[in-house]
Protein backbone atom coordinates (compact mmCIF):
# COMPACT_ATOMS: atom_id res chain seq x y z
CA UNK A 1 126.32 80.36 52.16
CA UNK A 2 127.76 84.09 52.51
CA UNK A 3 127.27 87.17 50.60
CA UNK A 4 130.60 88.50 49.07
CA UNK A 5 129.47 91.53 47.16
CA UNK A 6 126.86 94.22 46.28
CA UNK A 7 126.49 96.06 42.63
CA UNK A 8 123.96 98.68 42.75
CA UNK A 9 123.13 100.44 39.60
CA UNK A 10 120.67 103.52 39.06
CA UNK A 11 118.82 102.33 42.49
CA UNK A 12 117.76 105.09 45.46
CA UNK A 13 120.50 107.73 45.98
CA UNK A 14 123.12 105.54 43.84
CA UNK A 15 123.92 106.07 40.29
CA UNK A 16 127.00 103.17 40.89
CA UNK A 17 127.77 101.25 44.38
CA UNK A 18 130.30 98.34 44.85
CA UNK A 19 130.03 96.75 48.18
CA UNK A 20 132.53 94.16 49.31
CA UNK A 21 131.79 92.28 52.20
CA UNK A 22 135.06 90.11 51.52
CA UNK A 23 137.44 93.13 50.58
CA UNK A 24 140.39 90.97 51.29
CA UNK A 25 140.80 87.45 49.48
CA UNK A 26 141.67 85.85 52.98
CA UNK A 27 139.08 87.16 54.82
CA UNK A 28 135.02 87.09 55.05
CA UNK A 29 133.61 89.12 57.72
CA UNK A 30 131.12 87.87 59.30
CA UNK A 31 129.80 91.50 61.12
CA UNK A 32 129.52 94.05 58.74
CA UNK A 33 128.17 97.38 60.10
CA UNK A 34 127.39 100.38 57.48
CA UNK A 35 127.02 104.30 59.31
CA UNK A 36 125.72 107.14 57.65
CA UNK A 37 123.53 110.15 58.44
CA UNK A 38 119.57 109.55 57.55
CA UNK A 39 118.86 109.32 54.15
CA UNK A 40 122.30 108.40 53.33
CA UNK A 41 120.60 105.06 52.03
CA UNK A 42 121.96 102.66 54.45
CA UNK A 43 118.49 101.20 54.02
CA UNK A 44 118.57 101.25 50.77
CA UNK A 45 121.03 98.85 50.79
CA UNK A 46 119.64 96.68 53.21
CA UNK A 47 116.12 96.69 50.99
CA UNK A 48 118.16 95.48 48.26
CA UNK A 49 120.13 92.60 49.52
CA UNK A 50 116.43 91.09 50.63
CA UNK A 51 115.38 91.63 47.00
CA UNK A 52 118.83 89.79 45.68
CA UNK A 53 117.63 87.03 48.14
CA UNK A 54 114.13 86.86 47.66
CA UNK A 55 114.19 85.26 44.51
CA UNK A 56 116.76 82.10 45.77
CA UNK A 57 113.98 81.83 48.53
CA UNK A 58 111.16 81.42 45.57
CA UNK A 59 113.13 79.63 43.53
CA UNK A 60 113.62 76.91 46.28
CA UNK A 61 109.86 76.56 47.01
CA UNK A 62 108.69 76.08 43.30
CA UNK A 63 111.39 75.99 39.94
CA UNK A 64 110.30 78.75 38.33
CA UNK A 65 109.27 81.04 41.45
CA UNK A 66 109.71 84.78 41.16
CA UNK A 67 111.12 87.58 44.14
CA UNK A 68 110.51 90.72 44.98
CA UNK A 69 110.80 93.05 42.17
CA UNK A 70 112.37 96.07 42.67
CA UNK A 71 109.98 98.97 43.31
CA UNK A 72 110.03 101.86 40.19
CA UNK A 73 109.68 104.49 42.85
CA UNK A 74 113.71 102.95 44.24
CA UNK A 75 114.89 103.74 40.74
CA UNK A 76 116.94 106.73 40.76
CA UNK A 77 115.56 109.68 39.00
CA UNK A 78 118.64 110.15 36.17
CA UNK A 79 117.86 106.13 35.25
CA UNK A 80 115.70 104.09 33.23
CA UNK A 81 115.81 101.09 34.88
CA UNK A 82 117.84 99.92 38.58
CA UNK A 83 119.92 96.43 38.89
CA UNK A 84 120.95 94.87 41.64
CA UNK A 85 123.81 91.94 41.65
CA UNK A 86 124.50 90.24 44.45
CA UNK A 87 127.43 87.28 44.13
CA UNK A 88 127.18 85.10 46.70
CA UNK A 89 129.68 82.07 47.99
CA UNK A 90 128.70 78.37 49.03
CA UNK A 91 130.98 76.10 49.15
CA UNK A 92 133.93 77.94 47.86
CA UNK A 93 132.13 78.32 45.00
CA UNK A 94 130.44 81.57 43.56
CA UNK A 95 127.32 82.54 42.15
CA UNK A 96 125.96 85.49 40.88
CA UNK A 97 122.48 86.42 39.89
CA UNK A 98 120.96 90.03 38.69
CA UNK A 99 117.51 91.64 39.51
CA UNK A 100 116.84 94.25 36.69
CA UNK A 101 113.66 96.56 36.94
CA UNK A 102 112.56 99.02 33.90
CA UNK A 103 110.62 102.17 34.24
CA UNK A 104 106.77 102.13 32.73
CA UNK A 105 107.49 102.71 28.87
CA UNK A 106 112.02 101.94 29.24
CA UNK A 107 114.37 99.79 28.26
CA UNK A 108 116.27 98.30 30.89
CA UNK A 109 120.30 98.43 30.08
CA UNK A 110 120.92 95.02 31.54
CA UNK A 111 118.08 92.60 31.69
CA UNK A 112 117.40 90.23 34.99
CA UNK A 113 120.06 87.16 34.30
CA UNK A 114 119.41 84.25 36.85
CA UNK A 115 121.70 81.81 35.64
CA UNK A 116 123.97 81.48 38.29
CA UNK A 117 121.20 81.94 41.20
CA UNK A 118 119.40 78.55 39.06
CA UNK A 119 122.76 76.55 39.63
CA UNK A 120 122.98 77.59 43.57
CA UNK A 121 119.36 76.46 43.53
CA UNK A 122 120.08 73.61 42.11
CA UNK A 123 122.91 72.47 43.78
CA UNK A 124 120.86 72.45 47.69
CA UNK A 125 117.62 71.06 45.52
CA UNK A 126 119.59 67.90 44.87
CA UNK A 127 121.22 67.42 47.86
CA UNK A 128 117.77 67.92 49.18
CA UNK A 129 116.52 65.02 46.80
CA UNK A 130 118.23 62.83 48.47
CA UNK A 131 118.93 64.13 52.00
CA UNK A 132 115.73 65.54 53.93
CA UNK A 133 117.68 67.12 56.58
CA UNK A 134 119.81 69.01 54.72
CA UNK A 135 120.40 72.51 56.28
CA UNK A 136 119.51 75.69 54.31
CA UNK A 137 120.52 79.40 54.81
CA UNK A 138 118.57 81.49 56.84
CA UNK A 139 117.79 84.11 55.19
CA UNK A 140 116.19 87.65 57.43
CA UNK A 141 115.68 90.84 57.05
CA UNK A 142 114.24 93.24 59.76
CA UNK A 143 113.84 96.66 58.95
CA UNK A 144 113.33 99.89 61.16
CA UNK A 145 110.20 99.46 61.51
CA UNK A 146 110.31 96.19 63.53
CA UNK A 147 109.55 98.27 66.45
CA UNK A 148 105.70 97.29 66.77
CA UNK A 149 105.09 93.90 67.62
CA UNK A 150 101.84 92.19 66.40
CA UNK A 151 101.16 89.91 69.99
CA UNK A 152 98.57 87.56 69.22
CA UNK A 153 95.90 87.42 72.22
CA UNK A 154 93.99 84.42 70.67
CA UNK A 155 95.01 81.73 68.42
CA UNK A 156 93.02 78.67 66.80
CA UNK A 157 93.94 75.56 65.78
CA UNK A 158 97.45 74.26 65.89
CA UNK A 159 99.84 74.57 62.35
CA UNK A 160 102.48 72.00 61.33
CA UNK A 161 105.93 73.54 60.54
CA UNK A 162 107.72 72.16 57.71
CA UNK A 163 111.43 73.21 57.42
CA UNK A 164 110.68 75.49 54.03
CA UNK A 165 108.30 77.36 56.63
CA UNK A 166 112.03 79.05 57.87
CA UNK A 167 111.67 81.28 55.26
CA UNK A 168 108.27 82.94 56.10
CA UNK A 169 108.01 86.40 55.69
CA UNK A 170 111.47 86.38 56.48
CA UNK A 171 112.65 89.23 54.01
CA UNK A 172 109.95 91.44 54.67
CA UNK A 173 111.17 93.72 57.24
CA UNK A 174 108.85 92.44 59.94
CA UNK A 175 109.36 90.54 63.48
CA UNK A 176 107.07 87.52 62.64
CA UNK A 177 106.38 87.32 67.08
CA UNK A 178 102.69 85.89 65.95
CA UNK A 179 104.05 82.59 64.02
CA UNK A 180 107.15 82.70 66.47
CA UNK A 181 104.24 82.29 69.22
CA UNK A 182 102.04 79.81 67.09
CA UNK A 183 105.28 77.52 66.62
CA UNK A 184 106.80 77.62 70.24
CA UNK A 185 103.55 76.26 71.46
CA UNK A 186 103.65 73.81 69.13
CA UNK A 187 106.67 72.42 70.05
CA UNK A 188 106.17 72.76 73.49
CA UNK A 189 102.56 70.98 73.53
CA UNK A 190 104.39 68.35 71.61
CA UNK A 191 106.81 68.05 74.37
CA UNK A 192 104.82 68.04 76.98
CA UNK A 193 102.55 65.19 75.28
CA UNK A 194 105.53 62.93 75.02
CA UNK A 195 106.48 63.54 78.52
CA UNK A 196 103.12 63.11 79.90
CA UNK A 197 103.04 59.56 78.33
CA UNK A 198 106.29 58.52 79.71
CA UNK A 199 105.27 59.68 82.96
CA UNK A 200 101.83 57.51 82.90
CA UNK A 201 103.95 54.16 81.90
CA UNK A 202 105.58 54.85 84.98
CA UNK A 203 104.02 52.77 87.88
CA UNK A 204 105.15 52.96 91.59
CA UNK A 205 108.29 52.06 93.12
CA UNK A 206 110.04 52.68 90.08
CA UNK A 207 113.15 54.63 90.30
CA UNK A 208 113.07 58.63 90.24
CA UNK A 209 116.31 58.57 88.80
CA UNK A 210 115.50 56.39 85.84
CA UNK A 211 112.24 58.28 85.58
CA UNK A 212 114.12 61.58 85.07
CA UNK A 213 116.32 60.60 82.59
CA UNK A 214 113.76 59.41 79.93
CA UNK A 215 111.81 62.93 80.46
CA UNK A 216 115.86 64.65 79.86
CA UNK A 217 115.40 62.62 76.60
CA UNK A 218 112.41 64.09 75.59
CA UNK A 219 113.29 67.52 75.81
CA UNK A 220 112.97 69.00 72.34
CA UNK A 221 115.95 69.86 70.68
CA UNK A 222 114.62 72.87 68.58
CA UNK A 223 112.94 74.44 71.98
CA UNK A 224 115.94 74.38 73.84
CA UNK A 225 117.82 75.99 71.25
CA UNK A 226 115.81 79.47 71.02
CA UNK A 227 115.73 79.03 75.02
CA UNK A 228 119.15 78.70 75.26
CA UNK A 229 119.72 82.01 72.53
CA UNK A 230 117.02 83.79 74.29
CA UNK A 231 118.77 83.58 77.99
CA UNK A 232 121.50 84.17 76.80
CA UNK A 233 120.81 87.57 75.74
CA UNK A 234 118.62 88.28 78.19
CA UNK A 235 119.66 86.44 81.50
CA UNK A 236 117.38 88.38 83.54
CA UNK A 237 114.29 86.42 81.87
CA UNK A 238 114.23 82.82 82.83
CA UNK A 239 111.71 80.10 82.10
CA UNK A 240 110.32 81.17 78.95
CA UNK A 241 106.85 79.34 78.14
CA UNK A 242 103.17 79.39 77.10
CA UNK A 243 100.91 80.01 79.86
CA UNK A 244 97.91 79.03 79.06
CA UNK A 245 95.37 80.55 81.72
CA UNK A 246 93.92 83.36 82.60
CA UNK A 247 94.49 83.39 78.70
CA UNK A 248 96.74 81.96 76.11
CA UNK A 249 100.08 84.26 76.41
CA UNK A 250 103.74 84.23 76.30
CA UNK A 251 104.71 84.21 80.19
CA UNK A 252 108.26 84.45 81.69
CA UNK A 253 109.91 85.15 85.12
CA UNK A 254 112.14 88.15 85.38
CA UNK A 255 113.99 88.29 88.69
CA UNK A 256 111.92 85.37 90.03
CA UNK A 257 108.74 87.41 89.28
CA UNK A 258 106.48 85.89 86.43
CA UNK A 259 105.07 88.00 83.68
CA UNK A 260 103.36 88.80 80.75
CA UNK A 261 105.98 89.59 78.17
CA UNK A 262 103.69 92.11 77.62
CA UNK A 263 104.89 93.47 80.59
CA UNK A 264 108.17 93.69 80.15
CA UNK A 265 109.88 96.94 78.18
CA UNK A 266 110.00 97.82 74.24
CA UNK A 267 113.40 96.77 74.29
CA UNK A 268 113.53 93.62 76.07
CA UNK A 269 110.39 92.98 73.65
CA UNK A 270 112.29 93.61 70.87
CA UNK A 271 115.33 91.61 71.32
CA UNK A 272 113.48 88.58 72.45
CA UNK A 273 111.02 88.74 69.46
CA UNK A 274 114.43 88.91 67.21
CA UNK A 275 116.80 86.56 68.87
CA UNK A 276 113.68 84.26 69.11
CA UNK A 277 113.13 84.71 65.61
CA UNK A 278 116.44 84.25 64.18
CA UNK A 279 116.85 80.90 66.36
CA UNK A 280 113.40 79.54 65.95
CA UNK A 281 114.38 79.88 62.26
CA UNK A 282 117.51 78.54 62.65
CA UNK A 283 115.72 75.68 64.54
CA UNK A 284 113.37 74.66 61.42
CA UNK A 285 116.03 75.19 58.92
CA UNK A 286 118.42 72.71 60.58
CA UNK A 287 116.86 69.89 61.59
CA UNK A 288 119.50 67.45 62.15
CA UNK A 289 121.56 69.29 64.08
CA UNK A 290 122.03 68.81 67.56
CA UNK A 291 122.27 72.76 68.49
CA UNK A 292 120.78 74.56 65.52
CA UNK A 293 121.96 77.66 66.51
CA UNK A 294 125.14 76.89 64.98
CA UNK A 295 123.37 76.85 61.43
CA UNK A 296 124.83 79.15 58.44
CA UNK A 297 123.02 81.95 56.43
CA UNK A 298 122.90 85.89 56.32
CA UNK A 299 120.66 88.61 58.72
CA UNK A 300 120.34 91.89 57.85
CA UNK A 301 119.34 94.62 60.57
CA UNK A 302 118.40 97.84 59.99
CA UNK A 303 119.14 100.71 62.71
CA UNK A 304 120.59 97.58 65.42
CA UNK A 305 120.29 99.74 68.39
CA UNK A 306 116.52 100.48 68.03
CA UNK A 307 115.01 100.65 71.70
CA UNK A 308 117.91 99.52 73.70
CA UNK A 309 119.74 101.01 76.71
CA UNK A 310 123.57 102.12 75.94
CA UNK A 311 124.38 98.88 77.89
CA UNK A 312 122.94 97.13 75.17
CA UNK A 313 123.90 98.66 72.37
CA UNK A 314 127.67 97.88 73.44
CA UNK A 315 127.83 94.16 73.51
CA UNK A 316 124.77 93.60 71.25
CA UNK A 317 127.20 92.35 67.88
CA UNK A 318 129.45 90.27 70.71
CA UNK A 319 126.20 88.75 71.54
CA UNK A 320 125.45 88.35 67.78
CA UNK A 321 128.71 86.79 67.23
CA UNK A 322 128.52 84.18 70.10
CA UNK A 323 124.80 83.42 70.27
CA UNK A 324 124.96 82.72 66.37
CA UNK A 325 128.55 81.95 65.39
CA UNK A 326 128.16 81.04 61.76
CA UNK A 327 125.72 83.93 60.98
CA UNK A 328 127.01 86.60 58.44
CA UNK A 329 125.17 90.22 60.30
CA UNK A 330 125.19 92.92 58.06
CA UNK A 331 123.76 96.08 60.24
CA UNK A 332 123.04 99.70 60.00
CA UNK A 333 123.34 101.73 63.08
CA UNK A 334 123.74 105.61 63.70
CA UNK A 335 125.25 104.15 67.64
CA UNK A 336 129.08 104.59 67.91
CA UNK A 337 128.68 102.10 70.59
CA UNK A 338 128.41 99.31 68.02
CA UNK A 339 131.38 100.05 66.03
CA UNK A 340 133.84 100.65 68.89
CA UNK A 341 133.35 98.11 71.51
CA UNK A 342 133.92 94.80 68.99
CA UNK A 343 137.21 93.80 67.11
CA UNK A 344 136.35 91.13 64.07
CA UNK A 345 134.09 94.21 62.40
CA UNK A 346 133.85 95.48 58.67
CA UNK A 347 132.58 98.92 58.76
CA UNK A 348 131.99 101.46 56.12
CA UNK A 349 130.58 104.79 56.04
CA UNK A 350 128.44 106.40 53.92
CA UNK A 351 127.59 109.48 52.47
CA UNK A 352 125.13 110.26 49.76
CA UNK A 353 126.40 107.98 47.53
CA UNK A 354 129.90 107.48 48.15
CA UNK A 355 131.57 104.65 50.44
CA UNK A 356 134.35 104.51 52.06
CA UNK A 357 135.79 101.50 54.74
CA UNK A 358 136.59 102.73 58.43
CA UNK A 359 139.52 101.65 60.10
CA UNK A 360 139.08 99.12 62.71
CA UNK A 361 138.06 101.64 65.87
CA UNK A 362 137.82 99.21 68.88
CA UNK A 363 138.32 100.50 72.36
CA UNK A 364 138.19 103.78 70.80
CA UNK A 365 136.74 106.54 72.79
CA UNK A 366 133.04 106.78 72.06
CA UNK A 367 133.71 110.51 71.08
CA UNK A 368 136.55 110.05 69.31
CA UNK A 369 133.92 107.53 66.77
CA UNK A 370 131.94 110.71 66.97
CA UNK A 371 134.33 112.66 65.50
CA UNK A 372 136.12 110.27 63.27
CA UNK A 373 133.51 107.96 61.87
CA UNK A 374 130.25 110.09 62.28
CA UNK A 375 131.68 113.81 61.61
CA UNK A 376 129.46 114.58 65.09
CA UNK A 377 130.29 117.03 67.71
CA UNK A 378 130.87 115.47 71.00
CA UNK A 379 128.84 118.21 72.66
CA UNK A 380 126.78 121.23 72.13
CA UNK A 381 127.98 123.44 69.39
CA UNK A 382 127.80 126.56 71.00
CA UNK A 383 129.26 125.50 74.58
CA UNK A 384 132.18 123.59 72.44
CA UNK A 385 132.57 127.14 70.91
CA UNK A 386 132.63 128.89 74.38
CA UNK A 387 134.98 125.90 75.71
CA UNK A 388 137.41 126.37 73.03
CA UNK A 389 137.22 130.52 73.51
CA UNK A 390 138.36 130.28 77.02
CA UNK A 391 140.88 127.56 75.65
CA UNK A 392 142.02 129.79 73.82
CA UNK A 393 142.58 132.85 76.51
CA UNK A 394 144.39 130.64 78.48
CA UNK A 395 147.23 129.22 76.17
CA UNK A 396 147.43 133.15 75.25
CA UNK A 397 148.11 133.52 78.97
CA UNK A 398 145.23 136.38 78.87
CA UNK A 399 144.22 135.65 82.04
CA UNK A 400 141.63 138.58 82.51
CA UNK A 401 139.49 137.11 79.21
CA UNK A 402 139.95 133.57 80.83
CA UNK A 403 138.37 134.68 83.84
CA UNK A 404 135.47 136.60 82.56
CA UNK A 405 134.84 133.66 80.21
CA UNK A 406 134.71 130.59 82.72
CA UNK A 407 132.33 133.10 84.58
CA UNK A 408 130.09 132.77 81.65
CA UNK A 409 130.54 129.54 81.17
CA UNK A 410 129.77 128.98 84.61
CA UNK A 411 126.12 130.14 84.01
CA UNK A 412 125.51 127.66 81.51
CA UNK A 413 127.37 124.34 82.92
CA UNK A 414 127.29 123.18 86.22
CA UNK A 415 130.05 123.36 88.95
CA UNK A 416 131.70 119.90 88.68
CA UNK A 417 131.57 119.67 84.75
CA UNK A 418 135.09 118.33 83.28
CA UNK A 419 135.41 121.14 81.28
CA UNK A 420 135.17 123.52 84.31
CA UNK A 421 137.67 122.14 86.83
CA UNK A 422 139.89 121.64 83.95
CA UNK A 423 139.99 125.33 83.23
CA UNK A 424 140.47 126.59 86.79
CA UNK A 425 142.87 124.62 87.26
CA UNK A 426 144.78 126.10 84.49
CA UNK A 427 143.59 129.76 85.26
CA UNK A 428 144.78 128.74 88.93
CA UNK A 429 148.08 127.95 87.54
CA UNK A 430 148.42 130.88 84.76
CA UNK A 431 147.85 132.91 88.18
CA UNK A 432 150.65 131.62 89.99
CA UNK A 433 152.73 132.30 86.95
CA UNK A 434 151.91 135.58 86.29
CA UNK A 435 152.75 136.44 90.20
CA UNK A 436 155.92 134.27 90.55
CA UNK A 437 157.04 136.69 87.83
CA UNK A 438 155.78 139.78 89.56
């Protein structure tokens, strides 16, 4: 399942918003980036999609299930009610539904309509009734407050993880690290118990190649998928495992040294938690796939660059695409590096209620992205004005003014600053030209 479009009326900053994730008939983009200044409405878009999808999850779990309501505080001050309409595509068929909310004492302009949603849900339920290994679409939302990780110090008892558990807390905006840890421990315990039984069945003198072959056959596919996803994102981290002593915790080897994951940087922990959560849920929801990471669905990430070094920002979208090739990612960002480093992107700029598609910026210099897409100066505005004044003096062949401005700028910028180097060369050339004319 993919989302094709979102329509908002009277929600947040938006009087009316139509956002297409498939603006061209021949292509539905797997990666959509939305940029805009703080308060422009980026988070409102992702939250609205999450609300719409929550009704699918609730109806999958229960015939009359109700999803998350629209908060009255999210209704535009100029409107009596707000509506969220989603159009999705599944098996080349479109399904549309609307979630509506009126302010207290007011009447809604357009009521909640779930006919399209119910048809979609029934298709899944009909197939699930005859095939309990049916894959379900992953639907996930991570908000900008996911920086606080709930790392459990103690877990009492064990849990069973059913296929529908892949939807637990999926659209609440959090990184469910606690549940990830519990699931990882459970799968690892089951795998280890099976391997111990096999080892106990072998007697001295058995062919060791056969022993290893039998043990490899018992490797947990879901666990292997999660480990593969984590190591593809964090190649310097190996051997993710649950360690029991001196206390129960998640351990990993970094550059050969064993560490508690709590000792990792915030960026590493957040990346591990997010990627691990996506991979774990895909594994749960695609139980019959040899590689659950190729499962489909929609993942919403607000401020995807959160706590990431620029080097990691630059490759984030590509790594998401490579690791989860059939997931449709809808991402908001303030980072020009996410926009300019990937070819297959649909990118929108949001300016307080107005939405505009941005031409592809793949391969663009970061400074050009800041100017073209983010309406941001590439350097301090005061310094920029002084550099322009200096260059104008050179262009006007006003040598004395240029020298004075160069001295003033040199008091603020380092000697090897590229603009200083360039200015000195231009002034030297101008000086030589004046001497030749004299």
